[in-house]
Structure formats: C-alpha cells, structure tokens
C-alpha cells in the first residue's frame, strides 16, 4: 500500500469519526476507553476480576498480566522505536484531554494490547470472545477518536497484538 493510499484511509476514517465527535454518548465512551487503555488498565481490571472467579482463571489472569507487561515493553520500547511516525496531533483533540504519549504513533499500543488481551481472554472462554474483541476495538478506535493516533496505526497495532498473542500462546500455553 502506498503512502498516499494510507493517508486517504486515515483521512476517511477520521472524517467518519468526526460525524460522531461532539455527541455526548460517543464522546464519553471513547474518552473513557482511551483513558482506561493507558498502561492497559482496562485489561488489568478485567483480568483481576476474571481471576477472582476460580483458581483456574486466577492462573490465567496471572499469565495475562505477565504477558501484557512483556507485550507492552516490546511494542512501546521496541517496535515503536523502529518507526518515527508523528501523531496526528501532539496532545490529541482539545475536546478530549488525554495523557500525552512519549512514543511514536506507529503502531498503536492501545490497539496492540487490546487485541493481545482479547485473544488470551478468549482462549478458555470462547463464548466471551465477541465481548473481548468488541472491547478491544472500542479501546483501539478511541485513540483515533481523540486524535492521538491515525487509523492505520490502529490497524497495525491490532495486527501486532494478534501476532504477539499467537507467539505468546506458543511460548506460554494456557494453564
């Protein structure tokens, strides 16, 4: 895909989100999702609560927490350093205060960790997979919504998260 095609995709996605921006419900959902995605807080909360439901899930929650830490380190301190892509804005859309990231825009760490966590959470409870992936998609999309990521950063982040989860499942199989 050419740089021009990526730019057109990013612009079209941003224009679609712009139709939602300023709507109280969507603003609240995406602003909250973006904040909860910082440092994978949402996945830590989900894993922690999930782990309280049984001993088996407690082991899986510990695995999720450890692997999310490794995934975050690799993506944010490794993969992102390979790319110097600037963010669409330095501090996001002024209507949606967000923590100002210190890493490059590509790929989205929120998207990567979301799809990574959704994959691992779905392993033992496949009937909950639609919930976990929908939540990951909302967190990922929130980053373009608040204008701290390009849409293509999100797509790449999701792909990185899925690939990392496939590797993690081989290295540390589900208990």
C-alpha atoms as a PDB file:
ATOM      1  CA  UNK A   1       0.000   0.000   0.000  1.00  0.00           C
ATOM      2  CA  UNK A   2       1.347   3.400  -0.907  1.00  0.00           C
ATOM      3  CA  UNK A   3       1.760   6.321   1.479  1.00  0.00           C
ATOM      4  CA  UNK A   4      -0.955   8.198  -0.430  1.00  0.00           C
ATOM      5  CA  UNK A   5      -3.396   5.300  -0.005  1.00  0.00           C
ATOM      6  CA  UNK A   6      -2.642   5.133   3.727  1.00  0.00           C
ATOM      7  CA  UNK A   7      -3.185   8.897   4.021  1.00  0.00           C
ATOM      8  CA  UNK A   8      -6.544   8.589   2.204  1.00  0.00           C
ATOM      9  CA  UNK A   9      -7.591   5.737   4.517  1.00  0.00           C
ATOM     10  CA  UNK A  10      -6.589   7.752   7.595  1.00  0.00           C
ATOM     11  CA  UNK A  11      -8.461  10.838   6.348  1.00  0.00           C
ATOM     12  CA  UNK A  12     -11.615   8.858   5.515  1.00  0.00           C
ATOM     13  CA  UNK A  13     -11.620   7.167   8.919  1.00  0.00           C
ATOM     14  CA  UNK A  14     -11.093  10.496  10.678  1.00  0.00           C
ATOM     15  CA  UNK A  15     -13.949  12.048   8.685  1.00  0.00           C
ATOM     16  CA  UNK A  16     -16.241   9.176   9.718  1.00  0.00           C
ATOM     17  CA  UNK A  17     -15.279   9.648  13.368  1.00  0.00           C
ATOM     18  CA  UNK A  18     -15.811  13.392  13.035  1.00  0.00           C
ATOM     19  CA  UNK A  19     -19.508  12.714  12.480  1.00  0.00           C
ATOM     20  CA  UNK A  20     -19.578  11.145  15.985  1.00  0.00           C
ATOM     21  CA  UNK A  21     -17.381  13.683  17.754  1.00  0.00           C
ATOM     22  CA  UNK A  22     -19.373  16.157  19.788  1.00  0.00           C
ATOM     23  CA  UNK A  23     -22.104  13.608  20.567  1.00  0.00           C
ATOM     24  CA  UNK A  24     -22.216  13.263  24.378  1.00  0.00           C
ATOM     25  CA  UNK A  25     -22.549   9.465  24.459  1.00  0.00           C
ATOM     26  CA  UNK A  26     -19.833   8.691  21.916  1.00  0.00           C
ATOM     27  CA  UNK A  27     -17.542  11.354  23.419  1.00  0.00           C
ATOM     28  CA  UNK A  28     -17.883   9.774  26.869  1.00  0.00           C
ATOM     29  CA  UNK A  29     -17.421   6.200  25.620  1.00  0.00           C
ATOM     30  CA  UNK A  30     -14.311   6.905  23.557  1.00  0.00           C
ATOM     31  CA  UNK A  31     -12.724   9.336  26.013  1.00  0.00           C
ATOM     32  CA  UNK A  32     -13.184   6.793  28.827  1.00  0.00           C
ATOM     33  CA  UNK A  33     -11.945   3.906  26.676  1.00  0.00           C
ATOM     34  CA  UNK A  34      -8.832   5.864  25.734  1.00  0.00           C
ATOM     35  CA  UNK A  35      -8.042   6.654  29.371  1.00  0.00           C
ATOM     36  CA  UNK A  36      -8.668   3.066  30.513  1.00  0.00           C
ATOM     37  CA  UNK A  37      -6.379   1.808  27.760  1.00  0.00           C
ATOM     38  CA  UNK A  38      -3.438   3.766  29.208  1.00  0.00           C
ATOM     39  CA  UNK A  39      -0.976   1.279  30.708  1.00  0.00           C
ATOM     40  CA  UNK A  40      -3.521  -1.480  29.903  1.00  0.00           C
ATOM     41  CA  UNK A  41      -5.547  -0.527  32.991  1.00  0.00           C
ATOM     42  CA  UNK A  42      -8.716  -1.942  31.478  1.00  0.00           C
ATOM     43  CA  UNK A  43      -7.079  -5.311  30.807  1.00  0.00           C
ATOM     44  CA  UNK A  44      -5.604  -5.418  34.303  1.00  0.00           C
ATOM     45  CA  UNK A  45      -9.048  -4.756  35.773  1.00  0.00           C
ATOM     46  CA  UNK A  46     -10.709  -7.352  33.558  1.00  0.00           C
ATOM     47  CA  UNK A  47      -8.001  -9.910  34.309  1.00  0.00           C
ATOM     48  CA  UNK A  48      -8.112  -9.195  38.030  1.00  0.00           C
ATOM     49  CA  UNK A  49     -11.884  -9.554  38.312  1.00  0.00           C
ATOM     50  CA  UNK A  50     -11.845 -12.551  35.991  1.00  0.00           C
ATOM     51  CA  UNK A  51      -9.134 -14.180  38.124  1.00  0.00           C
ATOM     52  CA  UNK A  52     -11.282 -13.925  41.242  1.00  0.00           C
ATOM     53  CA  UNK A  53     -13.904 -16.271  39.792  1.00  0.00           C
ATOM     54  CA  UNK A  54     -11.902 -19.525  40.008  1.00  0.00           C
ATOM     55  CA  UNK A  55      -8.443 -20.943  40.688  1.00  0.00           C
ATOM     56  CA  UNK A  56      -8.066 -21.839  37.014  1.00  0.00           C
ATOM     57  CA  UNK A  57      -8.914 -18.307  35.959  1.00  0.00           C
ATOM     58  CA  UNK A  58      -6.557 -16.928  38.616  1.00  0.00           C
ATOM     59  CA  UNK A  59      -3.680 -18.770  36.935  1.00  0.00           C
ATOM     60  CA  UNK A  60      -4.790 -17.447  33.563  1.00  0.00           C
ATOM     61  CA  UNK A  61      -5.124 -13.904  34.952  1.00  0.00           C
ATOM     62  CA  UNK A  62      -1.548 -14.037  36.247  1.00  0.00           C
ATOM     63  CA  UNK A  63      -0.379 -15.254  32.845  1.00  0.00           C
ATOM     64  CA  UNK A  64      -2.308 -12.419  31.165  1.00  0.00           C
ATOM     65  CA  UNK A  65      -0.749  -9.798  33.453  1.00  0.00           C
ATOM     66  CA  UNK A  66       2.800 -11.038  32.916  1.00  0.00           C
ATOM     67  CA  UNK A  67       2.396 -11.417  29.156  1.00  0.00           C
ATOM     68  CA  UNK A  68       0.743  -7.985  28.831  1.00  0.00           C
ATOM     69  CA  UNK A  69       3.769  -6.488  30.566  1.00  0.00           C
ATOM     70  CA  UNK A  70       6.110  -8.185  28.111  1.00  0.00           C
ATOM     71  CA  UNK A  71       3.920  -7.227  25.129  1.00  0.00           C
ATOM     72  CA  UNK A  72       3.827  -3.592  26.229  1.00  0.00           C
ATOM     73  CA  UNK A  73       7.577  -3.446  26.710  1.00  0.00           C
ATOM     74  CA  UNK A  74       8.263  -4.994  23.308  1.00  0.00           C
ATOM     75  CA  UNK A  75       5.760  -2.786  21.456  1.00  0.00           C
ATOM     76  CA  UNK A  76       6.403   0.522  23.215  1.00  0.00           C
ATOM     77  CA  UNK A  77      10.147   0.277  23.678  1.00  0.00           C
ATOM     78  CA  UNK A  78      10.962  -1.919  20.696  1.00  0.00           C
ATOM     79  CA  UNK A  79       8.582  -1.860  17.747  1.00  0.00           C
ATOM     80  CA  UNK A  80       7.614   1.820  18.083  1.00  0.00           C
ATOM     81  CA  UNK A  81      11.293   2.825  18.071  1.00  0.00           C
ATOM     82  CA  UNK A  82      11.621   1.309  14.601  1.00  0.00           C
ATOM     83  CA  UNK A  83       9.153   3.865  13.275  1.00  0.00           C
ATOM     84  CA  UNK A  84       9.255   7.602  13.757  1.00  0.00           C
ATOM     85  CA  UNK A  85       5.739   8.368  12.664  1.00  0.00           C
ATOM     86  CA  UNK A  86       4.337  11.585  14.037  1.00  0.00           C
ATOM     87  CA  UNK A  87       0.966  11.603  15.701  1.00  0.00           C
ATOM     88  CA  UNK A  88      -1.958  13.413  14.060  1.00  0.00           C
ATOM     89  CA  UNK A  89      -1.774  15.917  16.940  1.00  0.00           C
ATOM     90  CA  UNK A  90       0.733  16.273  19.757  1.00  0.00           C
ATOM     91  CA  UNK A  91      -1.804  16.300  22.571  1.00  0.00           C
ATOM     92  CA  UNK A  92      -4.952  14.985  20.878  1.00  0.00           C
ATOM     93  CA  UNK A  93      -8.173  16.806  20.143  1.00  0.00           C
ATOM     94  CA  UNK A  94      -8.543  19.638  22.697  1.00  0.00           C
ATOM     95  CA  UNK A  95     -12.123  18.499  23.424  1.00  0.00           C
ATOM     96  CA  UNK A  96     -10.777  15.206  24.779  1.00  0.00           C
ATOM     97  CA  UNK A  97      -7.927  15.607  27.265  1.00  0.00           C
ATOM     98  CA  UNK A  98      -5.561  12.632  27.059  1.00  0.00           C
ATOM     99  CA  UNK A  99      -2.203  11.709  28.505  1.00  0.00           C
ATOM    100  CA  UNK A 100       0.426  12.900  26.051  1.00  0.00           C
ATOM    101  CA  UNK A 101       2.319   9.826  24.809  1.00  0.00           C
ATOM    102  CA  UNK A 102       6.098   9.921  24.616  1.00  0.00           C
ATOM    103  CA  UNK A 103       6.436   7.250  21.927  1.00  0.00           C
ATOM    104  CA  UNK A 104       5.869   7.408  18.193  1.00  0.00           C
ATOM    105  CA  UNK A 105       2.428   6.957  16.691  1.00  0.00           C
ATOM    106  CA  UNK A 106       3.025   3.681  14.847  1.00  0.00           C
ATOM    107  CA  UNK A 107       1.735   1.142  15.791  1.00  0.00           C
ATOM    108  CA  UNK A 108      -0.942   1.897  18.388  1.00  0.00           C
ATOM    109  CA  UNK A 109      -0.034   0.358  21.733  1.00  0.00           C
ATOM    110  CA  UNK A 110      -3.668   0.578  22.871  1.00  0.00           C
ATOM    111  CA  UNK A 111      -4.735  -1.472  19.837  1.00  0.00           C
ATOM    112  CA  UNK A 112      -1.889  -3.930  20.255  1.00  0.00           C
ATOM    113  CA  UNK A 113      -2.535  -4.589  23.937  1.00  0.00           C
ATOM    114  CA  UNK A 114      -6.284  -4.735  23.359  1.00  0.00           C
ATOM    115  CA  UNK A 115      -6.166  -7.391  20.674  1.00  0.00           C
ATOM    116  CA  UNK A 116      -3.431  -9.239  22.558  1.00  0.00           C
ATOM    117  CA  UNK A 117      -5.571  -9.327  25.728  1.00  0.00           C
ATOM    118  CA  UNK A 118      -8.759 -10.201  23.827  1.00  0.00           C
ATOM    119  CA  UNK A 119      -7.027 -13.197  22.262  1.00  0.00           C
ATOM    120  CA  UNK A 120      -5.720 -14.516  25.583  1.00  0.00           C
ATOM    121  CA  UNK A 121      -9.010 -13.864  27.400  1.00  0.00           C
ATOM    122  CA  UNK A 122     -10.889 -15.747  24.675  1.00  0.00           C
ATOM    123  CA  UNK A 123      -8.802 -18.902  24.975  1.00  0.00           C
ATOM    124  CA  UNK A 124     -10.616 -20.520  27.869  1.00  0.00           C
ATOM    125  CA  UNK A 125     -13.979 -18.892  27.305  1.00  0.00           C
ATOM    126  CA  UNK A 126     -14.570 -18.719  23.534  1.00  0.00           C
ATOM    127  CA  UNK A 127     -18.209 -17.728  24.069  1.00  0.00           C
ATOM    128  CA  UNK A 128     -16.914 -14.428  25.515  1.00  0.00           C
ATOM    129  CA  UNK A 129     -14.634 -13.725  22.527  1.00  0.00           C
ATOM    130  CA  UNK A 130     -17.088 -11.282  20.887  1.00  0.00           C
ATOM    131  CA  UNK A 131     -17.177  -9.245  24.108  1.00  0.00           C
ATOM    132  CA  UNK A 132     -13.375  -9.118  24.474  1.00  0.00           C
ATOM    133  CA  UNK A 133     -12.782  -8.230  20.815  1.00  0.00           C
ATOM    134  CA  UNK A 134     -15.538  -5.605  20.822  1.00  0.00           C
ATOM    135  CA  UNK A 135     -13.942  -4.028  23.891  1.00  0.00           C
ATOM    136  CA  UNK A 136     -10.520  -4.151  22.208  1.00  0.00           C
ATOM    137  CA  UNK A 137     -11.971  -2.496  19.095  1.00  0.00           C
ATOM    138  CA  UNK A 138     -13.549   0.294  21.155  1.00  0.00           C
ATOM    139  CA  UNK A 139     -10.297   0.953  23.037  1.00  0.00           C
ATOM    140  CA  UNK A 140      -8.332   0.898  19.777  1.00  0.00           C
ATOM    141  CA  UNK A 141     -10.760   3.160  17.928  1.00  0.00           C
ATOM    142  CA  UNK A 142     -10.775   5.574  20.852  1.00  0.00           C
ATOM    143  CA  UNK A 143      -7.219   6.557  20.008  1.00  0.00           C
ATOM    144  CA  UNK A 144      -8.232   7.836  16.573  1.00  0.00           C
ATOM    145  CA  UNK A 145     -11.362   9.368  18.065  1.00  0.00           C
ATOM    146  CA  UNK A 146      -9.295  11.547  20.439  1.00  0.00           C
ATOM    147  CA  UNK A 147      -6.889  12.214  17.534  1.00  0.00           C
ATOM    148  CA  UNK A 148      -3.781  10.807  19.158  1.00  0.00           C
ATOM    149  CA  UNK A 149      -3.413   8.050  16.511  1.00  0.00           C
ATOM    150  CA  UNK A 150      -4.010   7.615  12.808  1.00  0.00           C
ATOM    151  CA  UNK A 151      -6.440   4.864  11.785  1.00  0.00           C
ATOM    152  CA  UNK A 152      -3.579   2.977  10.118  1.00  0.00           C
ATOM    153  CA  UNK A 153      -1.714   2.978  13.464  1.00  0.00           C
ATOM    154  CA  UNK A 154      -4.711   1.168  14.935  1.00  0.00           C
ATOM    155  CA  UNK A 155      -4.870  -1.425  12.178  1.00  0.00           C
ATOM    156  CA  UNK A 156      -1.144  -2.089  12.539  1.00  0.00           C
ATOM    157  CA  UNK A 157      -1.438  -2.223  16.330  1.00  0.00           C
ATOM    158  CA  UNK A 158      -4.246  -4.768  16.130  1.00  0.00           C
ATOM    159  CA  UNK A 159      -2.163  -6.916  13.774  1.00  0.00           C
ATOM    160  CA  UNK A 160       0.854  -6.686  16.104  1.00  0.00           C
ATOM    161  CA  UNK A 161      -1.322  -7.645  19.075  1.00  0.00           C
ATOM    162  CA  UNK A 162      -2.770 -10.663  17.286  1.00  0.00           C
ATOM    163  CA  UNK A 163       0.683 -11.819  16.156  1.00  0.00           C
ATOM    164  CA  UNK A 164       2.135 -11.312  19.627  1.00  0.00           C
ATOM    165  CA  UNK A 165      -0.721 -13.298  21.155  1.00  0.00           C
ATOM    166  CA  UNK A 166      -0.103 -16.189  18.744  1.00  0.00           C
ATOM    167  CA  UNK A 167       3.554 -16.199  19.786  1.00  0.00           C
ATOM    168  CA  UNK A 168       2.717 -15.883  23.487  1.00  0.00           C
ATOM    169  CA  UNK A 169       0.344 -18.849  23.267  1.00  0.00           C
ATOM    170  CA  UNK A 170       3.192 -20.992  21.937  1.00  0.00           C
ATOM    171  CA  UNK A 171       5.753 -19.763  24.470  1.00  0.00           C
ATOM    172  CA  UNK A 172       3.422 -19.957  27.488  1.00  0.00           C
ATOM    173  CA  UNK A 173       0.419 -22.195  26.793  1.00  0.00           C
ATOM    174  CA  UNK A 174      -2.792 -21.621  28.708  1.00  0.00           C
ATOM    175  CA  UNK A 175      -2.771 -23.265  32.166  1.00  0.00           C
END
